[in-house]
All heavy atoms as atom14 arrays in JSON, in Angstrom:
{
  "sequence": "ALVAGMELADHYAVTVIRVPDRPAGDRDLENEIEALVKRYGVP",
  "atom14_mask": [
    [1, 1, 1, 1, 1, 0, 0, 0, 0, 0, 0, 0, 0, 0],
    [1, 1, 1, 1, 1, 1, 1, 1, 0, 0, 0, 0, 0, 0],
    [1, 1, 1, 1, 1, 1, 1, 0, 0, 0, 0, 0, 0, 0],
    [1, 1, 1, 1, 1, 0, 0, 0, 0, 0, 0, 0, 0, 0],
    [1, 1, 1, 1, 0, 0, 0, 0, 0, 0, 0, 0, 0, 0],
    [1, 1, 1, 1, 1, 1, 1, 1, 0, 0, 0, 0, 0, 0],
    [1, 1, 1, 1, 1, 1, 1, 1, 1, 0, 0, 0, 0, 0],
    [1, 1, 1, 1, 1, 1, 1, 1, 0, 0, 0, 0, 0, 0],
    [1, 1, 1, 1, 1, 0, 0, 0, 0, 0, 0, 0, 0, 0],
    [1, 1, 1, 1, 1, 1, 1, 1, 0, 0, 0, 0, 0, 0],
    [1, 1, 1, 1, 1, 1, 1, 1, 1, 1, 0, 0, 0, 0],
    [1, 1, 1, 1, 1, 1, 1, 1, 1, 1, 1, 1, 0, 0],
    [1, 1, 1, 1, 1, 0, 0, 0, 0, 0, 0, 0, 0, 0],
    [1, 1, 1, 1, 1, 1, 1, 0, 0, 0, 0, 0, 0, 0],
    [1, 1, 1, 1, 1, 1, 1, 0, 0, 0, 0, 0, 0, 0],
    [1, 1, 1, 1, 1, 1, 1, 0, 0, 0, 0, 0, 0, 0],
    [1, 1, 1, 1, 1, 1, 1, 1, 0, 0, 0, 0, 0, 0],
    [1, 1, 1, 1, 1, 1, 1, 1, 1, 1, 1, 0, 0, 0],
    [1, 1, 1, 1, 1, 1, 1, 0, 0, 0, 0, 0, 0, 0],
    [1, 1, 1, 1, 1, 1, 1, 0, 0, 0, 0, 0, 0, 0],
    [1, 1, 1, 1, 1, 1, 1, 1, 0, 0, 0, 0, 0, 0],
    [1, 1, 1, 1, 1, 1, 1, 1, 1, 1, 1, 0, 0, 0],
    [1, 1, 1, 1, 1, 1, 1, 0, 0, 0, 0, 0, 0, 0],
    [1, 1, 1, 1, 1, 0, 0, 0, 0, 0, 0, 0, 0, 0],
    [1, 1, 1, 1, 0, 0, 0, 0, 0, 0, 0, 0, 0, 0],
    [1, 1, 1, 1, 1, 1, 1, 1, 0, 0, 0, 0, 0, 0],
    [1, 1, 1, 1, 1, 1, 1, 1, 1, 1, 1, 0, 0, 0],
    [1, 1, 1, 1, 1, 1, 1, 1, 0, 0, 0, 0, 0, 0],
    [1, 1, 1, 1, 1, 1, 1, 1, 0, 0, 0, 0, 0, 0],
    [1, 1, 1, 1, 1, 1, 1, 1, 1, 0, 0, 0, 0, 0],
    [1, 1, 1, 1, 1, 1, 1, 1, 0, 0, 0, 0, 0, 0],
    [1, 1, 1, 1, 1, 1, 1, 1, 1, 0, 0, 0, 0, 0],
    [1, 1, 1, 1, 1, 1, 1, 1, 0, 0, 0, 0, 0, 0],
    [1, 1, 1, 1, 1, 1, 1, 1, 1, 0, 0, 0, 0, 0],
    [1, 1, 1, 1, 1, 0, 0, 0, 0, 0, 0, 0, 0, 0],
    [1, 1, 1, 1, 1, 1, 1, 1, 0, 0, 0, 0, 0, 0],
    [1, 1, 1, 1, 1, 1, 1, 0, 0, 0, 0, 0, 0, 0],
    [1, 1, 1, 1, 1, 1, 1, 1, 1, 0, 0, 0, 0, 0],
    [1, 1, 1, 1, 1, 1, 1, 1, 1, 1, 1, 0, 0, 0],
    [1, 1, 1, 1, 1, 1, 1, 1, 1, 1, 1, 1, 0, 0],
    [1, 1, 1, 1, 0, 0, 0, 0, 0, 0, 0, 0, 0, 0],
    [1, 1, 1, 1, 1, 1, 1, 0, 0, 0, 0, 0, 0, 0],
    [1, 1, 1, 1, 1, 1, 1, 0, 0, 0, 0, 0, 0, 0]
  ],
  "atom14_positions": [
    [[0.83, -1.2, 0.0], [0.0, 0.0, 0.0], [0.87, 1.25, 0.0], [0.54, 2.25, -0.65], [-0.93, 0.0, 1.22], [0.0, 0.0, 0.0], [0.0, 0.0, 0.0], [0.0, 0.0, 0.0], [0.0, 0.0, 0.0], [0.0, 0.0, 0.0], [0.0, 0.0, 0.0], [0.0, 0.0, 0.0], [0.0, 0.0, 0.0], [0.0, 0.0, 0.0]],
    [[1.99, 1.19, 0.7], [2.93, 2.32, 0.69], [3.53, 2.51, -0.7], [3.69, 3.63, -1.18], [4.06, 2.08, 1.71], [3.68, 2.11, 3.18], [4.9, 1.75, 4.04], [3.16, 3.49, 3.56], [0.0, 0.0, 0.0], [0.0, 0.0, 0.0], [0.0, 0.0, 0.0], [0.0, 0.0, 0.0], [0.0, 0.0, 0.0], [0.0, 0.0, 0.0]],
    [[3.85, 1.39, -1.35], [4.41, 1.47, -2.7], [3.42, 2.15, -3.64], [3.77, 3.03, -4.42], [4.75, 0.05, -3.23], [5.18, 0.12, -4.69], [5.85, -0.58, -2.39], [0.0, 0.0, 0.0], [0.0, 0.0, 0.0], [0.0, 0.0, 0.0], [0.0, 0.0, 0.0], [0.0, 0.0, 0.0], [0.0, 0.0, 0.0], [0.0, 0.0, 0.0]],
    [[2.15, 1.75, -3.55], [1.13, 2.28, -4.45], [0.57, 3.62, -3.98], [-0.23, 4.23, -4.7], [-0.01, 1.27, -4.58], [0.0, 0.0, 0.0], [0.0, 0.0, 0.0], [0.0, 0.0, 0.0], [0.0, 0.0, 0.0], [0.0, 0.0, 0.0], [0.0, 0.0, 0.0], [0.0, 0.0, 0.0], [0.0, 0.0, 0.0], [0.0, 0.0, 0.0]],
    [[0.95, 4.06, -2.8], [0.42, 5.33, -2.28], [-1.05, 5.25, -1.92], [-1.78, 6.24, -2.03], [0.0, 0.0, 0.0], [0.0, 0.0, 0.0], [0.0, 0.0, 0.0], [0.0, 0.0, 0.0], [0.0, 0.0, 0.0], [0.0, 0.0, 0.0], [0.0, 0.0, 0.0], [0.0, 0.0, 0.0], [0.0, 0.0, 0.0], [0.0, 0.0, 0.0]],
    [[-1.51, 4.06, -1.5], [-2.91, 3.88, -1.11], [-2.99, 3.61, 0.39], [-2.14, 2.92, 0.95], [-3.54, 2.7, -1.86], [-3.6, 2.87, -3.37], [-4.38, 1.42, -4.14], [-4.12, 1.79, -5.87], [0.0, 0.0, 0.0], [0.0, 0.0, 0.0], [0.0, 0.0, 0.0], [0.0, 0.0, 0.0], [0.0, 0.0, 0.0], [0.0, 0.0, 0.0]],
    [[-4.02, 4.13, 1.01], [-4.24, 3.88, 2.43], [-5.1, 2.64, 2.59], [-6.16, 2.51, 1.99], [-4.94, 5.09, 3.06], [-5.11, 4.97, 4.57], [-5.69, 6.23, 5.18], [-5.7, 7.27, 4.49], [-6.14, 6.16, 6.34], [0.0, 0.0, 0.0], [0.0, 0.0, 0.0], [0.0, 0.0, 0.0], [0.0, 0.0, 0.0], [0.0, 0.0, 0.0]],
    [[-4.62, 1.7, 3.41], [-5.37, 0.47, 3.61], [-6.64, 0.73, 4.4], [-6.66, 1.51, 5.36], [-4.53, -0.56, 4.35], [-3.45, -1.3, 3.55], [-2.8, -2.37, 4.41], [-4.05, -1.93, 2.3], [0.0, 0.0, 0.0], [0.0, 0.0, 0.0], [0.0, 0.0, 0.0], [0.0, 0.0, 0.0], [0.0, 0.0, 0.0], [0.0, 0.0, 0.0]],
    [[-7.72, 0.06, 4.01], [-8.99, 0.17, 4.72], [-9.21, -1.1, 5.55], [-8.58, -2.13, 5.32], [-10.14, 0.34, 3.73], [0.0, 0.0, 0.0], [0.0, 0.0, 0.0], [0.0, 0.0, 0.0], [0.0, 0.0, 0.0], [0.0, 0.0, 0.0], [0.0, 0.0, 0.0], [0.0, 0.0, 0.0], [0.0, 0.0, 0.0], [0.0, 0.0, 0.0]],
    [[-10.11, -1.02, 6.51], [-10.44, -2.19, 7.32], [-11.42, -3.11, 6.6], [-11.48, -4.31, 6.89], [-11.05, -1.76, 8.66], [-10.05, -1.02, 9.53], [-8.86, -1.34, 9.46], [-10.47, -0.11, 10.28], [0.0, 0.0, 0.0], [0.0, 0.0, 0.0], [0.0, 0.0, 0.0], [0.0, 0.0, 0.0], [0.0, 0.0, 0.0], [0.0, 0.0, 0.0]],
    [[-12.22, -2.53, 5.69], [-13.22, -3.3, 4.96], [-13.14, -2.95, 3.47], [-12.9, -1.8, 3.1], [-14.64, -2.99, 5.45], [-14.9, -3.46, 6.85], [-14.39, -2.81, 7.96], [-15.64, -4.51, 7.31], [-14.79, -3.45, 9.06], [-15.55, -4.46, 8.69], [0.0, 0.0, 0.0], [0.0, 0.0, 0.0], [0.0, 0.0, 0.0], [0.0, 0.0, 0.0]],
    [[-13.37, -3.97, 2.63], [-13.41, -3.75, 1.18], [-14.62, -4.49, 0.6], [-14.97, -5.59, 1.04], [-12.15, -4.3, 0.51], [-10.92, -3.46, 0.69], [-10.04, -3.71, 1.74], [-10.63, -2.43, -0.2], [-8.9, -2.94, 1.9], [-9.48, -1.66, -0.05], [-8.63, -1.91, 1.01], [-7.5, -1.15, 1.18], [0.0, 0.0, 0.0], [0.0, 0.0, 0.0]],
    [[-15.23, -3.85, -0.39], [-16.23, -4.53, -1.21], [-15.5, -5.11, -2.43], [-14.62, -4.46, -2.99], [-17.31, -3.56, -1.67], [0.0, 0.0, 0.0], [0.0, 0.0, 0.0], [0.0, 0.0, 0.0], [0.0, 0.0, 0.0], [0.0, 0.0, 0.0], [0.0, 0.0, 0.0], [0.0, 0.0, 0.0], [0.0, 0.0, 0.0], [0.0, 0.0, 0.0]],
    [[-15.85, -6.32, -2.8], [-15.2, -6.98, -3.94], [-16.13, -6.9, -5.15], [-17.31, -7.27, -5.07], [-14.89, -8.45, -3.64], [-14.2, -9.11, -4.84], [-14.01, -8.57, -2.4], [0.0, 0.0, 0.0], [0.0, 0.0, 0.0], [0.0, 0.0, 0.0], [0.0, 0.0, 0.0], [0.0, 0.0, 0.0], [0.0, 0.0, 0.0], [0.0, 0.0, 0.0]],
    [[-15.61, -6.39, -6.25], [-16.35, -6.34, -7.51], [-15.57, -7.1, -8.57], [-14.36, -6.87, -8.74], [-16.58, -4.89, -7.98], [-17.44, -4.23, -7.05], [-17.22, -4.85, -9.36], [0.0, 0.0, 0.0], [0.0, 0.0, 0.0], [0.0, 0.0, 0.0], [0.0, 0.0, 0.0], [0.0, 0.0, 0.0], [0.0, 0.0, 0.0], [0.0, 0.0, 0.0]],
    [[-16.23, -8.01, -9.26], [-15.62, -8.75, -10.36], [-16.33, -8.35, -11.65], [-17.54, -8.55, -11.78], [-15.72, -10.27, -10.15], [-15.2, -11.02, -11.37], [-14.94, -10.69, -8.91], [0.0, 0.0, 0.0], [0.0, 0.0, 0.0], [0.0, 0.0, 0.0], [0.0, 0.0, 0.0], [0.0, 0.0, 0.0], [0.0, 0.0, 0.0], [0.0, 0.0, 0.0]],
    [[-15.59, -7.76, -12.57], [-16.14, -7.36, -13.87], [-15.72, -8.4, -14.9], [-14.54, -8.54, -15.21], [-15.63, -5.96, -14.27], [-15.94, -4.93, -13.18], [-16.26, -5.53, -15.6], [-15.36, -3.56, -13.43], [0.0, 0.0, 0.0], [0.0, 0.0, 0.0], [0.0, 0.0, 0.0], [0.0, 0.0, 0.0], [0.0, 0.0, 0.0], [0.0, 0.0, 0.0]],
    [[-16.7, -9.11, -15.42], [-16.44, -10.21, -16.36], [-16.48, -9.7, -17.8], [-17.43, -9.06, -18.21], [-17.48, -11.31, -16.16], [-17.35, -12.5, -17.09], [-18.3, -13.62, -16.67], [-19.69, -13.18, -16.69], [-20.49, -13.32, -17.74], [-20.04, -13.83, -18.86], [-21.76, -12.93, -17.67], [0.0, 0.0, 0.0], [0.0, 0.0, 0.0], [0.0, 0.0, 0.0]],
    [[-15.42, -10.0, -18.54], [-15.32, -9.65, -19.95], [-15.13, -10.95, -20.72], [-14.02, -11.47, -20.8], [-14.15, -8.68, -20.22], [-14.13, -8.24, -21.67], [-14.19, -7.49, -19.28], [0.0, 0.0, 0.0], [0.0, 0.0, 0.0], [0.0, 0.0, 0.0], [0.0, 0.0, 0.0], [0.0, 0.0, 0.0], [0.0, 0.0, 0.0], [0.0, 0.0, 0.0]],
    [[-16.21, -11.54, -21.26], [-16.09, -12.86, -21.87], [-15.4, -12.9, -23.22], [-14.92, -13.94, -23.64], [-17.55, -13.31, -22.0], [-18.31, -12.03, -22.14], [-17.58, -11.03, -21.29], [0.0, 0.0, 0.0], [0.0, 0.0, 0.0], [0.0, 0.0, 0.0], [0.0, 0.0, 0.0], [0.0, 0.0, 0.0], [0.0, 0.0, 0.0], [0.0, 0.0, 0.0]],
    [[-15.32, -11.78, -23.9], [-14.76, -11.8, -25.26], [-14.0, -10.51, -25.5], [-14.56, -9.42, -25.41], [-15.87, -11.96, -26.3], [-15.31, -11.98, -27.72], [-14.17, -12.45, -27.89], [-16.0, -11.51, -28.62], [0.0, 0.0, 0.0], [0.0, 0.0, 0.0], [0.0, 0.0, 0.0], [0.0, 0.0, 0.0], [0.0, 0.0, 0.0], [0.0, 0.0, 0.0]],
    [[-12.71, -10.65, -25.79], [-11.9, -9.47, -26.09], [-10.94, -9.84, -27.22], [-9.89, -10.43, -26.98], [-11.12, -9.03, -24.85], [-10.38, -7.73, -25.09], [-9.66, -7.27, -23.82], [-8.94, -6.04, -24.07], [-9.48, -4.84, -24.11], [-10.77, -4.73, -23.91], [-8.77, -3.77, -24.36], [0.0, 0.0, 0.0], [0.0, 0.0, 0.0], [0.0, 0.0, 0.0]],
    [[-11.29, -9.51, -28.47], [-10.45, -9.93, -29.6], [-9.05, -9.34, -29.53], [-8.83, -8.25, -28.99], [-11.21, -9.38, -30.81], [-12.6, -9.11, -30.32], [-12.47, -8.76, -28.88], [0.0, 0.0, 0.0], [0.0, 0.0, 0.0], [0.0, 0.0, 0.0], [0.0, 0.0, 0.0], [0.0, 0.0, 0.0], [0.0, 0.0, 0.0], [0.0, 0.0, 0.0]],
    [[-8.09, -10.08, -30.08], [-6.73, -9.57, -30.19], [-6.74, -8.29, -31.03], [-7.5, -8.17, -31.99], [-5.83, -10.62, -30.83], [0.0, 0.0, 0.0], [0.0, 0.0, 0.0], [0.0, 0.0, 0.0], [0.0, 0.0, 0.0], [0.0, 0.0, 0.0], [0.0, 0.0, 0.0], [0.0, 0.0, 0.0], [0.0, 0.0, 0.0], [0.0, 0.0, 0.0]],
    [[-5.91, -7.34, -30.67], [-5.85, -6.08, -31.4], [-6.76, -5.02, -30.83], [-6.79, -3.89, -31.32], [0.0, 0.0, 0.0], [0.0, 0.0, 0.0], [0.0, 0.0, 0.0], [0.0, 0.0, 0.0], [0.0, 0.0, 0.0], [0.0, 0.0, 0.0], [0.0, 0.0, 0.0], [0.0, 0.0, 0.0], [0.0, 0.0, 0.0], [0.0, 0.0, 0.0]],
    [[-7.56, -5.38, -29.8], [-8.41, -4.39, -29.15], [-7.53, -3.4, -28.39], [-6.32, -3.6, -28.26], [-9.38, -5.1, -28.19], [-10.64, -4.28, -27.95], [-10.68, -3.13, -28.4], [-11.56, -4.81, -27.31], [0.0, 0.0, 0.0], [0.0, 0.0, 0.0], [0.0, 0.0, 0.0], [0.0, 0.0, 0.0], [0.0, 0.0, 0.0], [0.0, 0.0, 0.0]],
    [[-8.14, -2.35, -27.85], [-7.36, -1.33, -27.16], [-6.59, -1.91, -25.98], [-6.97, -2.91, -25.4], [-8.29, -0.2, -26.7], [-8.67, 0.76, -27.8], [-9.72, 1.75, -27.34], [-11.01, 1.08, -27.13], [-12.11, 1.72, -26.73], [-12.06, 3.01, -26.47], [-13.24, 1.06, -26.58], [0.0, 0.0, 0.0], [0.0, 0.0, 0.0], [0.0, 0.0, 0.0]],
    [[-5.53, -1.22, -25.61], [-4.62, -1.73, -24.59], [-5.33, -1.82, -23.25], [-5.63, -0.81, -22.61], [-3.41, -0.79, -24.5], [-2.34, -1.37, -23.59], [-2.54, -2.45, -23.02], [-1.31, -0.7, -23.44], [0.0, 0.0, 0.0], [0.0, 0.0, 0.0], [0.0, 0.0, 0.0], [0.0, 0.0, 0.0], [0.0, 0.0, 0.0], [0.0, 0.0, 0.0]],
    [[-5.57, -3.03, -22.8], [-6.29, -3.25, -21.55], [-5.52, -2.72, -20.36], [-6.09, -2.14, -19.43], [-6.56, -4.75, -21.38], [-7.27, -5.17, -20.1], [-8.68, -4.61, -20.08], [-7.31, -6.69, -19.98], [0.0, 0.0, 0.0], [0.0, 0.0, 0.0], [0.0, 0.0, 0.0], [0.0, 0.0, 0.0], [0.0, 0.0, 0.0], [0.0, 0.0, 0.0]],
    [[-4.21, -2.9, -20.37], [-3.4, -2.44, -19.24], [-3.54, -0.94, -19.04], [-3.65, -0.45, -17.91], [-1.94, -2.81, -19.46], [-1.05, -2.46, -18.27], [0.36, -2.99, -18.43], [0.51, -4.24, -18.55], [1.3, -2.18, -18.44], [0.0, 0.0, 0.0], [0.0, 0.0, 0.0], [0.0, 0.0, 0.0], [0.0, 0.0, 0.0], [0.0, 0.0, 0.0]],
    [[-3.56, -0.18, -20.13], [-3.71, 1.27, -20.02], [-5.08, 1.64, -19.46], [-5.21, 2.59, -18.68], [-3.52, 1.93, -21.38], [-2.07, 1.9, -21.84], [-1.17, 1.73, -21.02], [-1.85, 2.04, -23.14], [0.0, 0.0, 0.0], [0.0, 0.0, 0.0], [0.0, 0.0, 0.0], [0.0, 0.0, 0.0], [0.0, 0.0, 0.0], [0.0, 0.0, 0.0]],
    [[-6.1, 0.89, -19.87], [-7.45, 1.17, -19.38], [-7.54, 0.91, -17.87], [-8.13, 1.69, -17.13], [-8.46, 0.3, -20.13], [-8.56, 0.65, -21.61], [-9.2, -0.46, -22.42], [-9.65, -1.44, -21.8], [-9.24, -0.35, -23.66], [0.0, 0.0, 0.0], [0.0, 0.0, 0.0], [0.0, 0.0, 0.0], [0.0, 0.0, 0.0], [0.0, 0.0, 0.0]],
    [[-6.94, -0.19, -17.44], [-6.97, -0.52, -16.02], [-6.15, 0.49, -15.23], [-6.55, 0.94, -14.15], [-6.45, -1.95, -15.78], [-7.38, -2.96, -16.45], [-6.32, -2.24, -14.3], [-6.88, -4.39, -16.39], [0.0, 0.0, 0.0], [0.0, 0.0, 0.0], [0.0, 0.0, 0.0], [0.0, 0.0, 0.0], [0.0, 0.0, 0.0], [0.0, 0.0, 0.0]],
    [[-5.0, 0.89, -15.76], [-4.16, 1.86, -15.06], [-4.89, 3.19, -14.89], [-4.85, 3.81, -13.82], [-2.84, 2.06, -15.79], [-1.9, 3.02, -15.06], [-0.48, 2.94, -15.58], [-0.27, 2.37, -16.67], [0.41, 3.47, -14.9], [0.0, 0.0, 0.0], [0.0, 0.0, 0.0], [0.0, 0.0, 0.0], [0.0, 0.0, 0.0], [0.0, 0.0, 0.0]],
    [[-5.58, 3.63, -15.94], [-6.34, 4.88, -15.86], [-7.43, 4.77, -14.8], [-7.68, 5.71, -14.02], [-6.95, 5.22, -17.22], [0.0, 0.0, 0.0], [0.0, 0.0, 0.0], [0.0, 0.0, 0.0], [0.0, 0.0, 0.0], [0.0, 0.0, 0.0], [0.0, 0.0, 0.0], [0.0, 0.0, 0.0], [0.0, 0.0, 0.0], [0.0, 0.0, 0.0]],
    [[-8.07, 3.61, -14.75], [-9.13, 3.38, -13.76], [-8.56, 3.42, -12.34], [-9.13, 4.05, -11.44], [-9.79, 2.02, -14.03], [-11.06, 1.71, -13.25], [-12.24, 2.44, -13.88], [-11.32, 0.21, -13.24], [0.0, 0.0, 0.0], [0.0, 0.0, 0.0], [0.0, 0.0, 0.0], [0.0, 0.0, 0.0], [0.0, 0.0, 0.0], [0.0, 0.0, 0.0]],
    [[-7.45, 2.74, -12.14], [-6.84, 2.67, -10.81], [-6.38, 4.05, -10.36], [-6.57, 4.44, -9.2], [-5.65, 1.68, -10.83], [-4.84, 1.79, -9.54], [-6.15, 0.25, -11.0], [0.0, 0.0, 0.0], [0.0, 0.0, 0.0], [0.0, 0.0, 0.0], [0.0, 0.0, 0.0], [0.0, 0.0, 0.0], [0.0, 0.0, 0.0], [0.0, 0.0, 0.0]],
    [[-5.79, 4.81, -11.26], [-5.33, 6.15, -10.9], [-6.49, 7.08, -10.57], [-6.4, 7.91, -9.65], [-4.5, 6.74, -12.04], [-3.11, 6.13, -12.17], [-2.33, 6.78, -13.29], [-0.9, 6.25, -13.35], [-0.13, 6.86, -14.46], [0.0, 0.0, 0.0], [0.0, 0.0, 0.0], [0.0, 0.0, 0.0], [0.0, 0.0, 0.0], [0.0, 0.0, 0.0]],
    [[-7.58, 6.93, -11.31], [-8.72, 7.81, -11.07], [-9.4, 7.51, -9.74], [-9.76, 8.43, -9.0], [-9.73, 7.68, -12.21], [-10.99, 8.52, -11.97], [-11.9, 8.55, -13.17], [-13.06, 9.39, -12.93], [-14.03, 9.59, -13.8], [-13.96, 9.01, -14.99], [-15.05, 10.36, -13.51], [0.0, 0.0, 0.0], [0.0, 0.0, 0.0], [0.0, 0.0, 0.0]],
    [[-9.56, 6.22, -9.43], [-10.32, 5.85, -8.24], [-9.44, 5.47, -7.05], [-9.95, 5.36, -5.92], [-11.27, 4.7, -8.56], [-12.42, 5.12, -9.46], [-12.35, 4.97, -10.84], [-13.55, 5.72, -8.92], [-13.39, 5.37, -11.66], [-14.6, 6.12, -9.74], [-14.52, 5.94, -11.1], [-15.56, 6.35, -11.91], [0.0, 0.0, 0.0], [0.0, 0.0, 0.0]],
    [[-8.14, 5.26, -7.27], [-7.24, 4.94, -6.16], [-7.6, 3.65, -5.45], [-7.61, 3.6, -4.21], [0.0, 0.0, 0.0], [0.0, 0.0, 0.0], [0.0, 0.0, 0.0], [0.0, 0.0, 0.0], [0.0, 0.0, 0.0], [0.0, 0.0, 0.0], [0.0, 0.0, 0.0], [0.0, 0.0, 0.0], [0.0, 0.0, 0.0], [0.0, 0.0, 0.0]],
    [[-7.89, 2.58, -6.21], [-8.29, 1.31, -5.61], [-7.4, 0.18, -6.12], [-6.91, 0.22, -7.24], [-9.76, 0.98, -5.95], [-10.7, 1.98, -5.26], [-10.0, 0.97, -7.46], [0.0, 0.0, 0.0], [0.0, 0.0, 0.0], [0.0, 0.0, 0.0], [0.0, 0.0, 0.0], [0.0, 0.0, 0.0], [0.0, 0.0, 0.0], [0.0, 0.0, 0.0]],
    [[-7.19, -0.84, -5.29], [-6.45, -2.02, -5.76], [-7.27, -2.78, -6.79], [-8.48, -2.96, -6.61], [-6.26, -2.86, -4.47], [-6.54, -1.92, -3.33], [-7.53, -0.93, -3.86], [0.0, 0.0, 0.0], [0.0, 0.0, 0.0], [0.0, 0.0, 0.0], [0.0, 0.0, 0.0], [0.0, 0.0, 0.0], [0.0, 0.0, 0.0], [0.0, 0.0, 0.0]]
  ]
}
């Protein structure tokens, strides 16, 4: 948490987002996840 600059919480809600089909050549998933993490500050 120190490495990522996030403050640990005592409780977390778990959300699983299922993506059943993602063709090769689609937009860079890693960049999308990184943008999401930076915006919301969540693991």
